[in-house]
Amino acid sequence: MNLHITGHHLDITPAIRDYVNAKLNRINRHFDHVIDVSVVLTVDKLQHKVEATAHVRGKDLHVQCIDADMYAAIDGLADKLDRQVLKYKEQIRDHRTDAEAINRQAVGSGTEGSR
């Protein structure tokens, strides 16, 4: 997984970079097919906004979280992105399962008619 971190009105410190990396590694544990993640950290007066776009095979997942604390915003973002990735993983698995079931029904009905 490639991780790109940028900051608007904020310097990206090694501590913030390590924290974001540690939180987003959890996503990689749940789903291996995450290709690229871009994270944008923004500070506006008393608001800390974190946005992430995760590129997975066939889809882009976009998440944002706003909080009064940067670390809390990163935690919220990681939770939201984790839920979206797991949902996408379930959709892929359900889609593949349905396709296999349909193929088995088509093969099964073809052999019964020829008897």
N, C-alpha and C. Protein backbone atom coordinates (compact mmCIF):
# COMPACT_ATOMS: atom_id res chain seq x y z
N MET A 1 0.84 -1.17 0.00
CA MET A 1 0.00 0.00 0.00
C MET A 1 0.90 1.24 0.00
N ASN A 2 0.67 2.11 -0.97
CA ASN A 2 1.37 3.38 -1.02
C ASN A 2 0.58 4.40 -0.20
N LEU A 3 1.29 5.17 0.61
CA LEU A 3 0.64 6.15 1.47
C LEU A 3 1.23 7.52 1.17
N HIS A 4 0.36 8.48 0.81
CA HIS A 4 0.76 9.85 0.53
C HIS A 4 0.09 10.75 1.55
N ILE A 5 0.89 11.50 2.31
CA ILE A 5 0.35 12.40 3.33
C ILE A 5 0.74 13.82 2.99
N THR A 6 -0.26 14.71 2.92
CA THR A 6 0.01 16.12 2.68
C THR A 6 -0.70 16.94 3.74
N GLY A 7 -0.24 18.16 3.94
CA GLY A 7 -0.82 19.03 4.94
C GLY A 7 -1.14 20.40 4.38
N HIS A 8 -2.30 20.93 4.73
CA HIS A 8 -2.68 22.29 4.37
C HIS A 8 -2.68 23.11 5.65
N HIS A 9 -1.87 24.16 5.67
CA HIS A 9 -1.72 25.01 6.85
C HIS A 9 -1.19 24.20 8.04
N LEU A 10 -0.36 23.21 7.75
CA LEU A 10 0.13 22.32 8.78
C LEU A 10 1.42 21.67 8.30
N ASP A 11 2.40 21.62 9.17
CA ASP A 11 3.62 20.88 8.87
C ASP A 11 3.43 19.44 9.32
N ILE A 12 3.78 18.52 8.46
CA ILE A 12 3.66 17.10 8.79
C ILE A 12 4.89 16.69 9.59
N THR A 13 4.70 16.45 10.87
CA THR A 13 5.80 16.04 11.73
C THR A 13 5.98 14.53 11.64
N PRO A 14 7.15 14.03 12.00
CA PRO A 14 7.34 12.57 11.99
C PRO A 14 6.36 11.85 12.92
N ALA A 15 5.98 12.48 14.03
CA ALA A 15 5.02 11.86 14.95
C ALA A 15 3.65 11.69 14.29
N ILE A 16 3.19 12.72 13.58
CA ILE A 16 1.90 12.62 12.89
C ILE A 16 1.98 11.60 11.76
N ARG A 17 3.09 11.61 11.03
CA ARG A 17 3.26 10.66 9.93
C ARG A 17 3.24 9.22 10.45
N ASP A 18 3.92 8.96 11.56
CA ASP A 18 3.94 7.61 12.14
C ASP A 18 2.56 7.21 12.65
N TYR A 19 1.85 8.17 13.24
CA TYR A 19 0.51 7.89 13.78
C TYR A 19 -0.46 7.53 12.66
N VAL A 20 -0.44 8.28 11.56
CA VAL A 20 -1.31 7.99 10.43
C VAL A 20 -0.95 6.64 9.82
N ASN A 21 0.34 6.38 9.69
CA ASN A 21 0.79 5.11 9.13
C ASN A 21 0.33 3.94 9.99
N ALA A 22 0.46 4.07 11.32
CA ALA A 22 0.05 2.99 12.22
C ALA A 22 -1.46 2.75 12.15
N LYS A 23 -2.23 3.82 12.07
CA LYS A 23 -3.69 3.67 12.02
C LYS A 23 -4.15 3.07 10.69
N LEU A 24 -3.51 3.44 9.60
CA LEU A 24 -3.95 2.95 8.30
C LEU A 24 -3.42 1.55 7.98
N ASN A 25 -2.46 1.06 8.75
CA ASN A 25 -2.01 -0.32 8.56
C ASN A 25 -3.10 -1.30 8.94
N ARG A 26 -4.00 -0.89 9.82
CA ARG A 26 -5.12 -1.76 10.21
C ARG A 26 -5.99 -2.09 8.99
N ILE A 27 -6.12 -1.13 8.09
CA ILE A 27 -6.93 -1.34 6.88
C ILE A 27 -6.26 -2.39 6.00
N ASN A 28 -4.95 -2.33 5.93
CA ASN A 28 -4.21 -3.29 5.12
C ASN A 28 -4.31 -4.70 5.69
N ARG A 29 -4.48 -4.83 7.01
CA ARG A 29 -4.64 -6.14 7.62
C ARG A 29 -5.98 -6.76 7.23
N HIS A 30 -7.03 -5.94 7.09
CA HIS A 30 -8.36 -6.45 6.78
C HIS A 30 -8.55 -6.72 5.30
N PHE A 31 -7.87 -5.97 4.46
CA PHE A 31 -8.08 -6.10 3.01
C PHE A 31 -6.76 -5.84 2.31
N ASP A 32 -6.24 -6.83 1.62
CA ASP A 32 -4.91 -6.75 1.02
C ASP A 32 -4.86 -5.95 -0.28
N HIS A 33 -5.99 -5.72 -0.91
CA HIS A 33 -5.99 -5.14 -2.25
C HIS A 33 -6.10 -3.62 -2.27
N VAL A 34 -5.69 -2.96 -1.19
CA VAL A 34 -5.64 -1.49 -1.19
C VAL A 34 -4.37 -1.09 -1.92
N ILE A 35 -4.52 -0.35 -2.99
CA ILE A 35 -3.38 0.01 -3.83
C ILE A 35 -2.70 1.28 -3.33
N ASP A 36 -3.50 2.29 -3.05
CA ASP A 36 -2.95 3.61 -2.78
C ASP A 36 -3.89 4.36 -1.83
N VAL A 37 -3.31 5.09 -0.87
CA VAL A 37 -4.10 5.92 0.04
C VAL A 37 -3.48 7.31 0.07
N SER A 38 -4.30 8.32 -0.18
CA SER A 38 -3.87 9.72 -0.10
C SER A 38 -4.57 10.36 1.08
N VAL A 39 -3.80 10.95 1.99
CA VAL A 39 -4.35 11.58 3.19
C VAL A 39 -4.00 13.07 3.15
N VAL A 40 -5.01 13.91 3.41
CA VAL A 40 -4.81 15.36 3.46
C VAL A 40 -5.23 15.82 4.86
N LEU A 41 -4.29 16.46 5.56
CA LEU A 41 -4.54 16.99 6.89
C LEU A 41 -4.67 18.50 6.77
N THR A 42 -5.77 19.08 7.31
CA THR A 42 -6.03 20.50 7.20
C THR A 42 -6.36 21.08 8.57
N VAL A 43 -5.84 22.28 8.83
CA VAL A 43 -6.17 22.99 10.06
C VAL A 43 -6.82 24.32 9.69
N ASP A 44 -8.03 24.56 10.22
CA ASP A 44 -8.75 25.82 10.05
C ASP A 44 -9.18 26.30 11.43
N LYS A 45 -8.50 27.28 11.95
CA LYS A 45 -8.76 27.84 13.28
C LYS A 45 -8.87 26.74 14.32
N LEU A 46 -10.07 26.38 14.74
CA LEU A 46 -10.25 25.37 15.79
C LEU A 46 -10.69 24.01 15.24
N GLN A 47 -10.73 23.88 13.92
CA GLN A 47 -11.15 22.63 13.29
C GLN A 47 -9.96 21.90 12.70
N HIS A 48 -9.88 20.63 12.96
CA HIS A 48 -8.87 19.78 12.33
C HIS A 48 -9.61 18.81 11.43
N LYS A 49 -9.30 18.85 10.15
CA LYS A 49 -10.00 18.05 9.16
C LYS A 49 -9.01 17.08 8.52
N VAL A 50 -9.41 15.83 8.43
CA VAL A 50 -8.58 14.80 7.80
C VAL A 50 -9.42 14.15 6.71
N GLU A 51 -8.87 14.09 5.50
CA GLU A 51 -9.53 13.46 4.37
C GLU A 51 -8.62 12.36 3.83
N ALA A 52 -9.22 11.28 3.38
CA ALA A 52 -8.45 10.19 2.79
C ALA A 52 -9.20 9.64 1.59
N THR A 53 -8.45 9.31 0.57
CA THR A 53 -8.99 8.63 -0.60
C THR A 53 -8.19 7.35 -0.79
N ALA A 54 -8.88 6.23 -0.68
CA ALA A 54 -8.24 4.92 -0.83
C ALA A 54 -8.61 4.36 -2.19
N HIS A 55 -7.61 4.02 -2.96
CA HIS A 55 -7.83 3.43 -4.28
C HIS A 55 -7.72 1.92 -4.15
N VAL A 56 -8.84 1.25 -4.35
CA VAL A 56 -8.86 -0.22 -4.35
C VAL A 56 -9.20 -0.66 -5.77
N ARG A 57 -9.07 -1.93 -6.01
CA ARG A 57 -9.30 -2.43 -7.36
C ARG A 57 -10.74 -2.17 -7.78
N GLY A 58 -10.92 -1.28 -8.75
CA GLY A 58 -12.24 -1.00 -9.30
C GLY A 58 -13.02 0.12 -8.63
N LYS A 59 -12.47 0.74 -7.60
CA LYS A 59 -13.25 1.76 -6.88
C LYS A 59 -12.33 2.67 -6.08
N ASP A 60 -12.78 3.90 -5.85
CA ASP A 60 -12.11 4.83 -4.96
C ASP A 60 -13.02 5.09 -3.77
N LEU A 61 -12.50 4.95 -2.57
CA LEU A 61 -13.25 5.20 -1.35
C LEU A 61 -12.78 6.51 -0.75
N HIS A 62 -13.71 7.43 -0.48
CA HIS A 62 -13.35 8.74 0.07
C HIS A 62 -13.99 8.89 1.44
N VAL A 63 -13.18 9.34 2.42
CA VAL A 63 -13.65 9.51 3.79
C VAL A 63 -13.09 10.82 4.32
N GLN A 64 -13.88 11.51 5.18
CA GLN A 64 -13.37 12.69 5.85
C GLN A 64 -13.88 12.71 7.28
N CYS A 65 -13.10 13.32 8.16
CA CYS A 65 -13.47 13.43 9.56
C CYS A 65 -13.00 14.79 10.08
N ILE A 66 -13.87 15.45 10.83
CA ILE A 66 -13.56 16.76 11.41
C ILE A 66 -13.69 16.66 12.92
N ASP A 67 -12.66 17.17 13.63
CA ASP A 67 -12.67 17.11 15.09
C ASP A 67 -11.85 18.29 15.62
N ALA A 68 -11.93 18.50 16.93
CA ALA A 68 -11.17 19.59 17.55
C ALA A 68 -9.72 19.20 17.76
N ASP A 69 -9.41 17.92 17.74
CA ASP A 69 -8.05 17.41 17.94
C ASP A 69 -7.61 16.63 16.71
N MET A 70 -6.39 16.83 16.25
CA MET A 70 -5.92 16.16 15.05
C MET A 70 -5.86 14.65 15.23
N TYR A 71 -5.37 14.20 16.38
CA TYR A 71 -5.25 12.77 16.61
C TYR A 71 -6.63 12.11 16.70
N ALA A 72 -7.62 12.79 17.28
CA ALA A 72 -8.98 12.25 17.33
C ALA A 72 -9.58 12.19 15.92
N ALA A 73 -9.28 13.18 15.10
CA ALA A 73 -9.76 13.18 13.72
C ALA A 73 -9.15 12.02 12.93
N ILE A 74 -7.87 11.73 13.17
CA ILE A 74 -7.21 10.62 12.49
C ILE A 74 -7.82 9.30 12.95
N ASP A 75 -8.13 9.17 14.25
CA ASP A 75 -8.78 7.96 14.76
C ASP A 75 -10.14 7.76 14.10
N GLY A 76 -10.94 8.82 14.03
CA GLY A 76 -12.25 8.74 13.40
C GLY A 76 -12.15 8.38 11.93
N LEU A 77 -11.18 8.95 11.24
CA LEU A 77 -10.98 8.66 9.84
C LEU A 77 -10.62 7.19 9.64
N ALA A 78 -9.74 6.67 10.48
CA ALA A 78 -9.33 5.27 10.35
C ALA A 78 -10.52 4.34 10.57
N ASP A 79 -11.38 4.67 11.53
CA ASP A 79 -12.57 3.85 11.78
C ASP A 79 -13.52 3.88 10.59
N LYS A 80 -13.77 5.06 10.05
CA LYS A 80 -14.68 5.19 8.91
C LYS A 80 -14.13 4.47 7.68
N LEU A 81 -12.85 4.64 7.43
CA LEU A 81 -12.26 4.00 6.26
C LEU A 81 -12.24 2.49 6.42
N ASP A 82 -12.00 2.02 7.63
CA ASP A 82 -12.02 0.59 7.90
C ASP A 82 -13.41 0.01 7.62
N ARG A 83 -14.45 0.71 8.06
CA ARG A 83 -15.82 0.24 7.80
C ARG A 83 -16.12 0.21 6.31
N GLN A 84 -15.68 1.22 5.58
CA GLN A 84 -15.95 1.24 4.14
C GLN A 84 -15.20 0.13 3.41
N VAL A 85 -13.97 -0.12 3.83
CA VAL A 85 -13.18 -1.18 3.19
C VAL A 85 -13.80 -2.55 3.47
N LEU A 86 -14.24 -2.78 4.70
CA LEU A 86 -14.88 -4.06 5.03
C LEU A 86 -16.19 -4.21 4.26
N LYS A 87 -16.95 -3.13 4.11
CA LYS A 87 -18.18 -3.19 3.34
C LYS A 87 -17.89 -3.52 1.87
N TYR A 88 -16.87 -2.90 1.31
CA TYR A 88 -16.48 -3.18 -0.07
C TYR A 88 -16.04 -4.64 -0.22
N LYS A 89 -15.30 -5.13 0.77
CA LYS A 89 -14.84 -6.52 0.76
C LYS A 89 -16.02 -7.49 0.78
N GLU A 90 -17.04 -7.19 1.59
CA GLU A 90 -18.25 -8.01 1.65
C GLU A 90 -18.99 -7.98 0.31
N GLN A 91 -19.06 -6.82 -0.32
CA GLN A 91 -19.74 -6.72 -1.61
C GLN A 91 -19.05 -7.58 -2.66
N ILE A 92 -17.73 -7.56 -2.65
CA ILE A 92 -16.98 -8.37 -3.61
C ILE A 92 -17.22 -9.85 -3.34
N ARG A 93 -17.17 -10.24 -2.08
CA ARG A 93 -17.35 -11.66 -1.72
C ARG A 93 -18.76 -12.12 -2.05
N ASP A 94 -19.78 -11.30 -1.74
CA ASP A 94 -21.16 -11.66 -2.05
C ASP A 94 -21.38 -11.75 -3.56
N HIS A 95 -20.78 -10.84 -4.29
CA HIS A 95 -20.92 -10.85 -5.74
C HIS A 95 -20.33 -12.13 -6.33
N ARG A 96 -19.16 -12.50 -5.86
CA ARG A 96 -18.53 -13.72 -6.36
C ARG A 96 -19.32 -14.96 -5.96
N THR A 97 -19.87 -14.99 -4.76
CA THR A 97 -20.66 -16.12 -4.30
C THR A 97 -21.92 -16.27 -5.14
N ASP A 98 -22.59 -15.16 -5.41
CA ASP A 98 -23.80 -15.22 -6.23
C ASP A 98 -23.50 -15.71 -7.63
N ALA A 99 -22.41 -15.28 -8.21
CA ALA A 99 -22.05 -15.70 -9.56
C ALA A 99 -21.77 -17.20 -9.59
N GLU A 100 -21.11 -17.72 -8.57
CA GLU A 100 -20.83 -19.15 -8.52
C GLU A 100 -22.12 -19.94 -8.35
N ALA A 101 -23.06 -19.46 -7.54
CA ALA A 101 -24.34 -20.14 -7.34
C ALA A 101 -25.14 -20.18 -8.63
N ILE A 102 -25.14 -19.08 -9.37
CA ILE A 102 -25.87 -19.03 -10.63
C ILE A 102 -25.28 -20.01 -11.63
N ASN A 103 -23.95 -20.07 -11.68
CA ASN A 103 -23.30 -21.01 -12.59
C ASN A 103 -23.64 -22.45 -12.24
N ARG A 104 -23.68 -22.77 -10.95
CA ARG A 104 -24.01 -24.14 -10.54
C ARG A 104 -25.46 -24.47 -10.89
N GLN A 105 -26.38 -23.51 -10.75
CA GLN A 105 -27.77 -23.76 -11.10
C GLN A 105 -27.91 -23.99 -12.59
N ALA A 106 -27.20 -23.22 -13.39
CA ALA A 106 -27.27 -23.37 -14.84
C ALA A 106 -26.72 -24.72 -15.27
N VAL A 107 -25.64 -25.16 -14.68
CA VAL A 107 -25.04 -26.45 -15.01
C VAL A 107 -25.95 -27.58 -14.52
N GLY A 108 -26.51 -27.42 -13.32
CA GLY A 108 -27.38 -28.45 -12.74
C GLY A 108 -28.66 -28.62 -13.52
N SER A 109 -29.27 -27.53 -13.99
CA SER A 109 -30.53 -27.63 -14.73
C SER A 109 -30.31 -28.21 -16.12
N GLY A 110 -29.15 -27.99 -16.70
CA GLY A 110 -28.86 -28.53 -18.02
C GLY A 110 -28.71 -30.03 -18.03
N THR A 111 -28.18 -30.60 -16.97
CA THR A 111 -28.00 -32.06 -16.91
C THR A 111 -29.30 -32.77 -16.59
N GLU A 112 -30.23 -32.14 -15.85
CA GLU A 112 -31.49 -32.78 -15.50
C GLU A 112 -32.39 -32.89 -16.72
N GLY A 113 -32.37 -31.91 -17.60
CA GLY A 113 -33.23 -31.91 -18.78
C GLY A 113 -32.83 -32.97 -19.80
N SER A 114 -31.58 -33.42 -19.79
CA SER A 114 -31.11 -34.38 -20.79
C SER A 114 -31.36 -35.80 -20.36
N ARG A 115 -31.83 -36.03 -19.14
CA ARG A 115 -32.07 -37.42 -18.70
C ARG A 115 -33.31 -37.98 -19.22
